[in-house]
Amino acid sequence: MPRKKGSQNTDFAASRRALLVRLRAAVLGDNPPSSYRSLAAAAGVTIPTLRHYFGDREAVFAAVFADCREGGRRELEAAETPTGTFRQSINDLVQHVGDGFRYGRLDRLHAVGLIEGLADTRIAHAYLADVLEPTIQATQRRLEVHMAKGEMRLTTARNAAVVLLGPIVLIYLHQQGLSGALTYLTDIDTFLKEHSDGFVKSYEMT
């Protein structure tokens, strides 16, 4: 019996997943595709096939961001869980986030999210919901635990999370995403240590 027009075949989910793996690798690569045609080529399919599995261009980027969030679930759980004293915990978190940029291509993920999101509100919403906000909220929850334990002065945890994360994102986008290390080299390890120490000095309960 022929399949009705517009219905999904039995291996739809598996086929979509295989395409998503290829799309994620391409989007986080050194020369990410941007147009719908180049996205289809990166996935190794025709434009109608890509549209069948994902819909429009914005939905492709949203699917990639959502997949990155799911793939980074353990890293987010680690980010929200305090480790040791307030100073040790902040040092560990800064190193954890830095490792994500250094080894996990987070610079590419944020670069694509910013480039595409600033040009399209639907992509912006997906980037915020599945990439930027989960990191901010995980950090916020970690800081709230330290405040509840009396180790960190009472403040707006979300604002403090942005203060902690913002410079880390910026320095990695500058050095890696924008290749600033080629002409404006910064010792990232020193930067992260000084940033971590400065945050602790500003927020530690004394």
Protein backbone atom coordinates (compact mmCIF):
# COMPACT_ATOMS: atom_id res chain seq x y z
CA MET A 1 0.00 0.00 0.00
CA PRO A 2 1.56 3.32 -1.03
CA ARG A 3 2.40 5.87 1.63
CA LYS A 4 0.04 8.85 1.76
CA LYS A 5 1.45 12.10 0.48
CA GLY A 6 3.00 14.14 3.28
CA SER A 7 3.22 11.23 5.72
CA GLN A 8 6.45 10.13 7.41
CA ASN A 9 8.16 6.89 6.45
CA THR A 10 8.94 4.34 9.15
CA ASP A 11 12.61 5.29 9.42
CA PHE A 12 11.96 9.05 9.47
CA ALA A 13 13.50 9.59 12.92
CA ALA A 14 16.63 7.59 12.12
CA SER A 15 17.12 9.33 8.79
CA ARG A 16 16.58 12.74 10.33
CA ARG A 17 19.08 11.92 13.06
CA ALA A 18 21.72 10.91 10.51
CA LEU A 19 21.21 14.17 8.63
CA LEU A 20 21.37 16.16 11.86
CA VAL A 21 24.74 14.63 12.74
CA ARG A 22 26.13 15.81 9.40
CA LEU A 23 24.52 19.23 9.71
CA ARG A 24 25.90 19.76 13.20
CA ALA A 25 29.41 18.86 12.07
CA ALA A 26 29.12 21.28 9.14
CA VAL A 27 27.64 24.16 11.12
CA LEU A 28 30.34 23.86 13.79
CA GLY A 29 33.08 23.48 11.19
CA ASP A 30 35.58 26.07 10.05
CA ASN A 31 33.47 27.17 7.07
CA PRO A 32 29.85 26.73 8.17
CA PRO A 33 27.18 26.64 5.46
CA SER A 34 24.68 29.47 5.56
CA SER A 35 22.28 29.24 2.64
CA TYR A 36 19.64 26.55 2.48
CA ARG A 37 21.32 25.10 -0.60
CA SER A 38 24.69 24.85 1.16
CA LEU A 39 23.04 23.28 4.22
CA ALA A 40 21.48 20.63 2.00
CA ALA A 41 24.82 20.00 0.31
CA ALA A 42 26.54 19.66 3.70
CA ALA A 43 23.94 17.06 4.69
CA GLY A 44 24.42 15.26 1.37
CA VAL A 45 20.79 15.60 0.30
CA THR A 46 18.64 17.66 -2.03
CA ILE A 47 16.80 20.78 -0.90
CA PRO A 48 13.38 19.02 -0.99
CA THR A 49 14.76 16.20 1.15
CA LEU A 50 16.19 18.63 3.69
CA ARG A 51 12.86 20.46 3.79
CA HIS A 52 11.03 17.15 4.31
CA TYR A 53 13.04 16.35 7.43
CA PHE A 54 13.54 19.81 8.94
CA GLY A 55 11.34 22.41 7.32
CA ASP A 56 12.82 25.82 6.58
CA ARG A 57 16.32 27.21 7.08
CA GLU A 58 15.56 28.59 10.52
CA ALA A 59 14.33 25.18 11.67
CA VAL A 60 17.63 23.60 10.61
CA PHE A 61 19.63 25.91 12.88
CA ALA A 62 17.12 25.41 15.69
CA ALA A 63 17.54 21.64 15.39
CA VAL A 64 21.32 21.96 15.54
CA PHE A 65 21.15 24.15 18.66
CA ALA A 66 18.72 21.77 20.35
CA ASP A 67 20.97 18.83 19.53
CA CYS A 68 23.96 20.66 21.01
CA ARG A 69 22.01 21.25 24.21
CA GLU A 70 21.06 17.60 24.47
CA GLY A 71 24.62 16.53 23.74
CA GLY A 72 25.94 18.90 26.40
CA ARG A 73 23.54 17.84 29.14
CA ARG A 74 26.31 16.38 31.33
CA GLU A 75 28.43 19.49 30.94
CA LEU A 76 25.51 21.67 32.02
CA GLU A 77 24.88 19.47 35.04
CA ALA A 78 28.55 19.79 35.98
CA ALA A 79 28.35 23.57 35.57
CA GLU A 80 25.49 23.90 38.04
CA THR A 81 27.03 21.64 40.71
CA PRO A 82 29.35 23.38 43.23
CA THR A 83 32.74 21.80 43.94
CA GLY A 84 34.53 22.45 47.23
CA THR A 85 34.93 25.92 48.68
CA PHE A 86 33.59 29.02 46.93
CA ARG A 87 37.03 29.84 45.53
CA GLN A 88 37.65 26.28 44.36
CA SER A 89 34.17 26.04 42.88
CA ILE A 90 34.55 29.24 40.86
CA ASN A 91 38.00 28.18 39.67
CA ASP A 92 36.61 24.81 38.61
CA LEU A 93 33.66 26.38 36.80
CA VAL A 94 35.84 28.84 34.90
CA GLN A 95 38.12 25.98 33.85
CA HIS A 96 35.12 23.84 32.90
CA VAL A 97 33.64 26.53 30.67
CA GLY A 98 37.05 27.29 29.21
CA ASP A 99 37.58 23.63 28.34
CA GLY A 100 34.29 23.68 26.45
CA PHE A 101 35.65 26.44 24.24
CA ARG A 102 39.13 24.99 23.99
CA TYR A 103 38.13 21.42 23.16
CA GLY A 104 34.41 21.41 22.45
CA ARG A 105 34.11 24.02 19.67
CA LEU A 106 31.91 26.27 21.80
CA ASP A 107 33.48 29.24 20.05
CA ARG A 108 32.00 28.02 16.77
CA LEU A 109 28.62 27.34 18.36
CA HIS A 110 28.38 30.83 19.85
CA ALA A 111 29.76 32.47 16.72
CA VAL A 112 27.14 30.81 14.53
CA GLY A 113 24.41 31.61 17.05
CA LEU A 114 25.37 35.28 17.13
CA ILE A 115 25.86 35.65 13.39
CA GLU A 116 22.63 33.92 12.45
CA GLY A 117 20.65 35.13 15.46
CA LEU A 118 21.40 38.80 14.92
CA ALA A 119 20.01 38.44 11.40
CA ASP A 120 16.93 36.33 12.22
CA THR A 121 14.72 36.50 15.30
CA ARG A 122 13.64 32.86 15.10
CA ILE A 123 17.24 31.67 15.09
CA ALA A 124 18.01 34.15 17.86
CA HIS A 125 15.30 32.63 20.03
CA ALA A 126 16.60 29.11 19.40
CA TYR A 127 20.18 30.17 20.19
CA LEU A 128 19.11 31.82 23.43
CA ALA A 129 16.85 28.95 24.48
CA ASP A 130 19.23 26.07 23.75
CA VAL A 131 22.75 27.53 23.97
CA LEU A 132 23.21 30.77 25.87
CA GLU A 133 20.44 30.62 28.48
CA PRO A 134 21.13 27.05 29.66
CA THR A 135 24.72 28.05 30.42
CA ILE A 136 23.69 31.21 32.24
CA GLN A 137 21.02 29.38 34.23
CA ALA A 138 23.34 26.52 35.19
CA THR A 139 25.89 29.04 36.47
CA GLN A 140 23.14 30.93 38.28
CA ARG A 141 22.04 27.78 40.12
CA ARG A 142 25.63 27.09 41.18
CA LEU A 143 25.98 30.59 42.59
CA GLU A 144 22.64 30.36 44.38
CA VAL A 145 23.92 27.32 46.27
CA HIS A 146 26.98 29.25 47.41
CA MET A 147 24.81 32.14 48.54
CA ALA A 148 22.52 29.78 50.45
CA LYS A 149 25.58 28.33 52.21
CA GLY A 150 26.75 31.79 53.20
CA GLU A 151 29.91 31.57 51.08
CA MET A 152 28.93 34.24 48.56
CA ARG A 153 27.47 37.63 49.33
CA LEU A 154 23.80 38.04 48.55
CA THR A 155 23.24 39.52 45.12
CA THR A 156 21.23 38.87 41.97
CA ALA A 157 22.54 35.45 40.98
CA ARG A 158 21.64 35.84 37.31
CA ASN A 159 23.54 39.11 37.03
CA ALA A 160 26.56 37.59 38.76
CA ALA A 161 26.40 34.62 36.36
CA VAL A 162 26.56 36.99 33.39
CA VAL A 163 29.47 38.85 35.00
CA LEU A 164 31.33 35.54 35.39
CA LEU A 165 30.56 34.09 31.94
CA GLY A 166 30.70 37.18 29.75
CA PRO A 167 34.48 37.73 29.71
CA ILE A 168 35.10 34.01 29.13
CA VAL A 169 32.87 33.95 26.07
CA LEU A 170 34.41 37.18 24.78
CA ILE A 171 38.06 36.12 25.14
CA TYR A 172 37.50 32.81 23.37
CA LEU A 173 35.52 34.43 20.56
CA HIS A 174 38.34 36.97 20.23
CA GLN A 175 41.23 34.51 20.35
CA GLN A 176 39.71 31.48 18.58
CA GLY A 177 36.52 32.44 16.75
CA LEU A 178 37.97 35.63 15.30
CA SER A 179 41.56 34.30 15.16
CA GLY A 180 42.72 37.16 17.37
CA ALA A 181 45.51 34.95 18.69
CA LEU A 182 47.31 35.49 15.38
CA THR A 183 47.77 39.23 15.88
CA TYR A 184 46.51 40.11 19.39
CA LEU A 185 47.66 37.14 21.42
CA THR A 186 46.33 36.83 24.97
CA ASP A 187 47.53 34.24 27.46
CA ILE A 188 44.14 32.65 28.06
CA ASP A 189 45.24 30.60 31.08
CA THR A 190 46.47 33.74 32.83
CA PHE A 191 43.33 35.60 31.81
CA LEU A 192 41.06 32.90 33.24
CA LYS A 193 42.96 32.76 36.53
CA GLU A 194 42.90 36.53 36.98
CA HIS A 195 39.22 36.65 36.05
CA SER A 196 38.36 33.86 38.48
CA ASP A 197 40.37 35.47 41.30
CA GLY A 198 38.74 38.84 40.63
CA PHE A 199 35.25 37.36 40.72
CA VAL A 200 35.92 35.58 44.01
CA LYS A 201 37.40 38.72 45.54
CA SER A 202 34.30 40.70 44.53
CA TYR A 203 31.66 38.22 45.65
CA GLU A 204 33.19 36.08 48.42
CA MET A 205 31.58 36.46 51.83
CA THR A 206 34.12 37.85 54.27
